[in-house]
């Protein structure tokens, strides 16, 4: 019964299509990386992983709840 449902619903076409889409994207990324200049890849390798620019939020007062005047109600 499940085989008949799978055969009549056309899910095999979706599975093949999604695999071909994945393969095309994978090949495109491999080609893109292979054609990049080593200098460009070295520049990307040195990029920071976070947005920290060396200034802490508590030093600049941005995003720090304790940076303002004391709140007597808290």
PDB file of N, CA and C in Angstrom:
ATOM      1  N   UNK A   1       0.823  -1.190   0.000  1.00  0.00           N
ATOM      2  CA  UNK A   1       0.000   0.000   0.000  1.00  0.00           C
ATOM      3  C   UNK A   1       0.871   1.260   0.000  1.00  0.00           C
ATOM      4  N   UNK A   2       1.911   1.297   0.831  1.00  0.00           N
ATOM      5  CA  UNK A   2       2.779   2.473   0.853  1.00  0.00           C
ATOM      6  C   UNK A   2       3.567   2.618  -0.441  1.00  0.00           C
ATOM      7  N   UNK A   3       3.928   1.487  -1.058  1.00  0.00           N
ATOM      8  CA  UNK A   3       4.646   1.551  -2.328  1.00  0.00           C
ATOM      9  C   UNK A   3       3.757   2.125  -3.426  1.00  0.00           C
ATOM     10  N   UNK A   4       2.502   1.782  -3.408  1.00  0.00           N
ATOM     11  CA  UNK A   4       1.565   2.325  -4.401  1.00  0.00           C
ATOM     12  C   UNK A   4       1.379   3.829  -4.200  1.00  0.00           C
ATOM     13  N   UNK A   5       1.292   4.234  -2.936  1.00  0.00           N
ATOM     14  CA  UNK A   5       1.148   5.663  -2.638  1.00  0.00           C
ATOM     15  C   UNK A   5       2.390   6.436  -3.070  1.00  0.00           C
ATOM     16  N   UNK A   6       3.569   5.894  -2.792  1.00  0.00           N
ATOM     17  CA  UNK A   6       4.815   6.566  -3.177  1.00  0.00           C
ATOM     18  C   UNK A   6       4.966   6.628  -4.688  1.00  0.00           C
ATOM     19  N   UNK A   7       4.546   5.571  -5.377  1.00  0.00           N
ATOM     20  CA  UNK A   7       4.654   5.550  -6.837  1.00  0.00           C
ATOM     21  C   UNK A   7       3.694   6.531  -7.488  1.00  0.00           C
ATOM     22  N   UNK A   8       2.530   6.703  -6.917  1.00  0.00           N
ATOM     23  CA  UNK A   8       1.541   7.581  -7.544  1.00  0.00           C
ATOM     24  C   UNK A   8       1.690   9.049  -7.151  1.00  0.00           C
ATOM     25  N   UNK A   9       2.426   9.336  -6.094  1.00  0.00           N
ATOM     26  CA  UNK A   9       2.524  10.726  -5.639  1.00  0.00           C
ATOM     27  C   UNK A   9       3.644  11.499  -6.323  1.00  0.00           C
ATOM     28  N   UNK A  10       4.566  10.836  -6.988  1.00  0.00           N
ATOM     29  CA  UNK A  10       5.637  11.537  -7.697  1.00  0.00           C
ATOM     30  C   UNK A  10       6.751  12.024  -6.797  1.00  0.00           C
ATOM     31  N   UNK A  11       6.904  11.409  -5.635  1.00  0.00           N
ATOM     32  CA  UNK A  11       7.962  11.855  -4.719  1.00  0.00           C
ATOM     33  C   UNK A  11       9.353  11.523  -5.234  1.00  0.00           C
ATOM     34  N   UNK A  12       9.455  10.543  -6.117  1.00  0.00           N
ATOM     35  CA  UNK A  12      10.771  10.198  -6.665  1.00  0.00           C
ATOM     36  C   UNK A  12      11.329  11.366  -7.479  1.00  0.00           C
ATOM     37  N   UNK A  13      10.470  12.062  -8.190  1.00  0.00           N
ATOM     38  CA  UNK A  13      10.923  13.216  -8.981  1.00  0.00           C
ATOM     39  C   UNK A  13      11.449  14.327  -8.070  1.00  0.00           C
ATOM     40  N   UNK A  14      10.770  14.549  -6.940  1.00  0.00           N
ATOM     41  CA  UNK A  14      11.240  15.560  -5.999  1.00  0.00           C
ATOM     42  C   UNK A  14      12.568  15.160  -5.376  1.00  0.00           C
ATOM     43  N   UNK A  15      12.728  13.888  -5.072  1.00  0.00           N
ATOM     44  CA  UNK A  15      13.981  13.414  -4.481  1.00  0.00           C
ATOM     45  C   UNK A  15      15.134  13.566  -5.473  1.00  0.00           C
ATOM     46  N   UNK A  16      14.911  13.212  -6.707  1.00  0.00           N
ATOM     47  CA  UNK A  16      15.957  13.349  -7.729  1.00  0.00           C
ATOM     48  C   UNK A  16      16.253  14.822  -7.979  1.00  0.00           C
ATOM     49  N   UNK A  17      15.219  15.640  -8.047  1.00  0.00           N
ATOM     50  CA  UNK A  17      15.416  17.073  -8.270  1.00  0.00           C
ATOM     51  C   UNK A  17      16.186  17.740  -7.147  1.00  0.00           C
ATOM     52  N   UNK A  18      15.873  17.371  -5.915  1.00  0.00           N
ATOM     53  CA  UNK A  18      16.588  17.975  -4.788  1.00  0.00           C
ATOM     54  C   UNK A  18      18.036  17.514  -4.752  1.00  0.00           C
ATOM     55  N   UNK A  19      18.295  16.261  -5.119  1.00  0.00           N
ATOM     56  CA  UNK A  19      19.675  15.779  -5.159  1.00  0.00           C
ATOM     57  C   UNK A  19      20.461  16.491  -6.262  1.00  0.00           C
ATOM     58  N   UNK A  20      19.845  16.706  -7.404  1.00  0.00           N
ATOM     59  CA  UNK A  20      20.518  17.435  -8.486  1.00  0.00           C
ATOM     60  C   UNK A  20      20.778  18.888  -8.098  1.00  0.00           C
ATOM     61  N   UNK A  21      19.818  19.499  -7.404  1.00  0.00           N
ATOM     62  CA  UNK A  21      20.010  20.874  -6.933  1.00  0.00           C
ATOM     63  C   UNK A  21      21.180  20.945  -5.956  1.00  0.00           C
ATOM     64  N   UNK A  22      21.237  20.018  -5.007  1.00  0.00           N
ATOM     65  CA  UNK A  22      22.340  19.979  -4.050  1.00  0.00           C
ATOM     66  C   UNK A  22      23.671  19.801  -4.778  1.00  0.00           C
ATOM     67  N   UNK A  23      23.712  18.885  -5.736  1.00  0.00           N
ATOM     68  CA  UNK A  23      24.940  18.624  -6.474  1.00  0.00           C
ATOM     69  C   UNK A  23      25.385  19.867  -7.245  1.00  0.00           C
ATOM     70  N   UNK A  24      24.443  20.576  -7.857  1.00  0.00           N
ATOM     71  CA  UNK A  24      24.778  21.782  -8.613  1.00  0.00           C
ATOM     72  C   UNK A  24      25.342  22.868  -7.694  1.00  0.00           C
ATOM     73  N   UNK A  25      24.726  23.070  -6.534  1.00  0.00           N
ATOM     74  CA  UNK A  25      25.213  24.081  -5.590  1.00  0.00           C
ATOM     75  C   UNK A  25      26.591  23.682  -5.062  1.00  0.00           C
ATOM     76  N   UNK A  26      26.779  22.404  -4.748  1.00  0.00           N
ATOM     77  CA  UNK A  26      28.060  21.934  -4.239  1.00  0.00           C
ATOM     78  C   UNK A  26      29.166  22.147  -5.267  1.00  0.00           C
ATOM     79  N   UNK A  27      28.906  21.793  -6.514  1.00  0.00           N
ATOM     80  CA  UNK A  27      29.904  21.970  -7.575  1.00  0.00           C
ATOM     81  C   UNK A  27      30.191  23.452  -7.786  1.00  0.00           C
ATOM     82  N   UNK A  28      29.161  24.285  -7.736  1.00  0.00           N
ATOM     83  CA  UNK A  28      29.368  25.726  -7.915  1.00  0.00           C
ATOM     84  C   UNK A  28      30.257  26.294  -6.810  1.00  0.00           C
ATOM     85  N   UNK A  29      30.059  25.862  -5.579  1.00  0.00           N
ATOM     86  CA  UNK A  29      30.881  26.356  -4.471  1.00  0.00           C
ATOM     87  C   UNK A  29      32.315  25.853  -4.608  1.00  0.00           C
ATOM     88  N   UNK A  30      32.496  24.607  -4.997  1.00  0.00           N
ATOM     89  CA  UNK A  30      33.850  24.070  -5.181  1.00  0.00           C
ATOM     90  C   UNK A  30      34.580  24.829  -6.281  1.00  0.00           C
ATOM     91  N   UNK A  31      33.899  25.101  -7.378  1.00  0.00           N
ATOM     92  CA  UNK A  31      34.521  25.857  -8.481  1.00  0.00           C
ATOM     93  C   UNK A  31      34.845  27.274  -8.034  1.00  0.00           C
ATOM     94  N   UNK A  32      33.934  27.900  -7.295  1.00  0.00           N
ATOM     95  CA  UNK A  32      34.162  29.271  -6.817  1.00  0.00           C
ATOM     96  C   UNK A  32      35.388  29.324  -5.911  1.00  0.00           C
ATOM     97  N   UNK A  33      35.514  28.365  -5.007  1.00  0.00           N
ATOM     98  CA  UNK A  33      36.655  28.339  -4.092  1.00  0.00           C
ATOM     99  C   UNK A  33      37.939  28.044  -4.858  1.00  0.00           C
ATOM    100  N   UNK A  34      37.881  27.151  -5.830  1.00  0.00           N
ATOM    101  CA  UNK A  34      39.081  26.786  -6.587  1.00  0.00           C
ATOM    102  C   UNK A  34      39.595  27.950  -7.434  1.00  0.00           C
ATOM    103  N   UNK A  35      38.700  28.810  -7.877  1.00  0.00           N
ATOM    104  CA  UNK A  35      39.110  29.926  -8.735  1.00  0.00           C
ATOM    105  C   UNK A  35      39.499  31.190  -7.965  1.00  0.00           C
ATOM    106  N   UNK A  36      39.304  31.204  -6.651  1.00  0.00           N
ATOM    107  CA  UNK A  36      39.649  32.385  -5.865  1.00  0.00           C
ATOM    108  C   UNK A  36      41.161  32.515  -5.743  1.00  0.00           C
ATOM    109  N   UNK A  37      41.624  33.741  -5.687  1.00  0.00           N
ATOM    110  CA  UNK A  37      43.051  33.994  -5.492  1.00  0.00           C
ATOM    111  C   UNK A  37      43.435  33.681  -4.054  1.00  0.00           C
ATOM    112  N   UNK A  38      44.636  33.190  -3.832  1.00  0.00           N
ATOM    113  CA  UNK A  38      45.075  32.882  -2.464  1.00  0.00           C
ATOM    114  C   UNK A  38      45.064  34.103  -1.545  1.00  0.00           C
ATOM    115  N   UNK A  39      45.330  35.287  -2.101  1.00  0.00           N
ATOM    116  CA  UNK A  39      45.318  36.500  -1.279  1.00  0.00           C
ATOM    117  C   UNK A  39      43.919  36.777  -0.740  1.00  0.00           C
ATOM    118  N   UNK A  40      42.932  36.565  -1.588  1.00  0.00           N
ATOM    119  CA  UNK A  40      41.545  36.782  -1.173  1.00  0.00           C
ATOM    120  C   UNK A  40      41.142  35.798  -0.081  1.00  0.00           C
ATOM    121  N   UNK A  41      41.548  34.559  -0.221  1.00  0.00           N
ATOM    122  CA  UNK A  41      41.203  33.559   0.785  1.00  0.00           C
ATOM    123  C   UNK A  41      41.942  33.834   2.097  1.00  0.00           C
ATOM    124  N   UNK A  42      43.187  34.311   2.025  1.00  0.00           N
ATOM    125  CA  UNK A  42      43.927  34.649   3.238  1.00  0.00           C
ATOM    126  C   UNK A  42      43.268  35.833   3.950  1.00  0.00           C
ATOM    127  N   UNK A  43      42.765  36.788   3.176  1.00  0.00           N
ATOM    128  CA  UNK A  43      42.062  37.931   3.761  1.00  0.00           C
ATOM    129  C   UNK A  43      40.808  37.464   4.492  1.00  0.00           C
ATOM    130  N   UNK A  44      40.068  36.554   3.883  1.00  0.00           N
ATOM    131  CA  UNK A  44      38.856  36.030   4.527  1.00  0.00           C
ATOM    132  C   UNK A  44      39.193  35.198   5.757  1.00  0.00           C
ATOM    133  N   UNK A  45      40.333  34.533   5.743  1.00  0.00           N
ATOM    134  CA  UNK A  45      40.723  33.701   6.884  1.00  0.00           C
ATOM    135  C   UNK A  45      41.059  34.560   8.099  1.00  0.00           C
ATOM    136  N   UNK A  46      41.473  35.796   7.872  1.00  0.00           N
ATOM    137  CA  UNK A  46      41.825  36.690   8.977  1.00  0.00           C
ATOM    138  C   UNK A  46      40.640  37.472   9.513  1.00  0.00           C
ATOM    139  N   UNK A  47      39.461  37.309   8.934  1.00  0.00           N
ATOM    140  CA  UNK A  47      38.282  38.036   9.394  1.00  0.00           C
ATOM    141  C   UNK A  47      37.904  37.578  10.799  1.00  0.00           C
ATOM    142  N   UNK A  48      37.471  38.504  11.650  1.00  0.00           N
ATOM    143  CA  UNK A  48      37.041  38.091  12.991  1.00  0.00           C
ATOM    144  C   UNK A  48      35.728  37.327  12.921  1.00  0.00           C
ATOM    145  N   UNK A  49      35.533  36.453  13.871  1.00  0.00           N
ATOM    146  CA  UNK A  49      34.312  35.654  13.890  1.00  0.00           C
ATOM    147  C   UNK A  49      33.152  36.382  14.543  1.00  0.00           C
ATOM    148  N   UNK A  50      33.430  37.423  15.307  1.00  0.00           N
ATOM    149  CA  UNK A  50      32.356  38.175  15.937  1.00  0.00           C
ATOM    150  C   UNK A  50      32.502  39.647  15.575  1.00  0.00           C
ATOM    151  N   UNK A  51      31.609  40.455  16.078  1.00  0.00           N
ATOM    152  CA  UNK A  51      31.602  41.876  15.758  1.00  0.00           C
ATOM    153  C   UNK A  51      32.416  42.697  16.752  1.00  0.00           C
ATOM    154  N   UNK A  52      33.204  42.053  17.569  1.00  0.00           N
ATOM    155  CA  UNK A  52      33.988  42.754  18.572  1.00  0.00           C
ATOM    156  C   UNK A  52      35.078  43.578  17.901  1.00  0.00           C
ATOM    157  N   UNK A  53      35.067  44.859  18.132  1.00  0.00           N
ATOM    158  CA  UNK A  53      36.073  45.727  17.528  1.00  0.00           C
ATOM    159  C   UNK A  53      37.143  46.117  18.534  1.00  0.00           C
ATOM    160  N   UNK A  54      37.215  45.424  19.635  1.00  0.00           N
ATOM    161  CA  UNK A  54      38.201  45.740  20.646  1.00  0.00           C
ATOM    162  C   UNK A  54      37.649  46.616  21.751  1.00  0.00           C
ATOM    163  N   UNK A  55      36.451  47.157  21.573  1.00  0.00           N
ATOM    164  CA  UNK A  55      35.827  47.997  22.594  1.00  0.00           C
ATOM    165  C   UNK A  55      34.755  47.170  23.269  1.00  0.00           C
ATOM    166  N   UNK A  56      34.846  47.071  24.546  1.00  0.00           N
ATOM    167  CA  UNK A  56      33.843  46.299  25.272  1.00  0.00           C
ATOM    168  C   UNK A  56      32.599  47.148  25.484  1.00  0.00           C
ATOM    169  N   UNK A  57      31.451  46.481  25.534  1.00  0.00           N
ATOM    170  CA  UNK A  57      30.203  47.223  25.692  1.00  0.00           C
ATOM    171  C   UNK A  57      30.156  47.941  27.038  1.00  0.00           C
ATOM    172  N   UNK A  58      30.793  47.400  28.061  1.00  0.00           N
ATOM    173  CA  UNK A  58      30.773  48.073  29.351  1.00  0.00           C
ATOM    174  C   UNK A  58      31.666  49.311  29.341  1.00  0.00           C
ATOM    175  N   UNK A  59      32.698  49.322  28.481  1.00  0.00           N
ATOM    176  CA  UNK A  59      33.553  50.500  28.380  1.00  0.00           C
ATOM    177  C   UNK A  59      32.857  51.634  27.647  1.00  0.00           C
ATOM    178  N   UNK A  60      32.086  51.287  26.629  1.00  0.00           N
ATOM    179  CA  UNK A  60      31.451  52.323  25.825  1.00  0.00           C
ATOM    180  C   UNK A  60      30.057  52.683  26.322  1.00  0.00           C
ATOM    181  N   UNK A  61      29.484  51.860  27.190  1.00  0.00           N
ATOM    182  CA  UNK A  61      28.162  52.133  27.700  1.00  0.00           C
ATOM    183  C   UNK A  61      27.056  51.643  26.800  1.00  0.00           C
ATOM    184  N   UNK A  62      27.389  51.010  25.694  1.00  0.00           N
ATOM    185  CA  UNK A  62      26.381  50.527  24.766  1.00  0.00           C
ATOM    186  C   UNK A  62      25.940  49.140  25.208  1.00  0.00           C
ATOM    187  N   UNK A  63      24.667  48.967  25.406  1.00  0.00           N
ATOM    188  CA  UNK A  63      24.128  47.666  25.745  1.00  0.00           C
ATOM    189  C   UNK A  63      24.405  47.234  27.174  1.00  0.00           C
ATOM    190  N   UNK A  64      24.832  48.128  28.006  1.00  0.00           N
ATOM    191  CA  UNK A  64      25.141  47.774  29.385  1.00  0.00           C
ATOM    192  C   UNK A  64      24.093  48.400  30.282  1.00  0.00           C
ATOM    193  N   UNK A  65      23.414  47.595  31.051  1.00  0.00           N
ATOM    194  CA  UNK A  65      22.339  48.120  31.914  1.00  0.00           C
ATOM    195  C   UNK A  65      22.908  48.968  33.032  1.00  0.00           C
ATOM    196  N   UNK A  66      24.153  48.754  33.415  1.00  0.00           N
ATOM    197  CA  UNK A  66      24.736  49.498  34.513  1.00  0.00           C
ATOM    198  C   UNK A  66      25.440  50.769  34.080  1.00  0.00           C
ATOM    199  N   UNK A  67      25.327  51.136  32.793  1.00  0.00           N
ATOM    200  CA  UNK A  67      26.087  52.285  32.315  1.00  0.00           C
ATOM    201  C   UNK A  67      25.425  53.626  32.644  1.00  0.00           C
ATOM    202  N   UNK A  68      24.147  53.616  32.930  1.00  0.00           N
ATOM    203  CA  UNK A  68      23.454  54.879  33.200  1.00  0.00           C
ATOM    204  C   UNK A  68      23.481  55.231  34.669  1.00  0.00           C
ATOM    205  N   UNK A  69      22.767  56.295  35.044  1.00  0.00           N
ATOM    206  CA  UNK A  69      22.711  56.656  36.438  1.00  0.00           C
ATOM    207  C   UNK A  69      21.964  55.581  37.233  1.00  0.00           C
ATOM    208  N   UNK A  70      22.241  55.474  38.500  1.00  0.00           N
ATOM    209  CA  UNK A  70      21.569  54.433  39.296  1.00  0.00           C
ATOM    210  C   UNK A  70      20.069  54.676  39.331  1.00  0.00           C
ATOM    211  N   UNK A  71      19.325  53.591  39.255  1.00  0.00           N
ATOM    212  CA  UNK A  71      17.877  53.652  39.282  1.00  0.00           C
ATOM    213  C   UNK A  71      17.424  53.245  40.681  1.00  0.00           C
ATOM    214  N   UNK A  72      16.844  54.153  41.434  1.00  0.00           N
ATOM    215  CA  UNK A  72      16.474  53.800  42.815  1.00  0.00           C
ATOM    216  C   UNK A  72      15.320  52.806  42.868  1.00  0.00           C
ATOM    217  N   UNK A  73      14.571  52.639  41.786  1.00  0.00           N
ATOM    218  CA  UNK A  73      13.424  51.760  41.809  1.00  0.00           C
ATOM    219  C   UNK A  73      13.784  50.307  41.561  1.00  0.00           C
ATOM    220  N   UNK A  74      14.989  50.033  41.092  1.00  0.00           N
ATOM    221  CA  UNK A  74      15.321  48.636  40.762  1.00  0.00           C
ATOM    222  C   UNK A  74      15.940  47.917  41.932  1.00  0.00           C
TER     223      UNK A  74
END
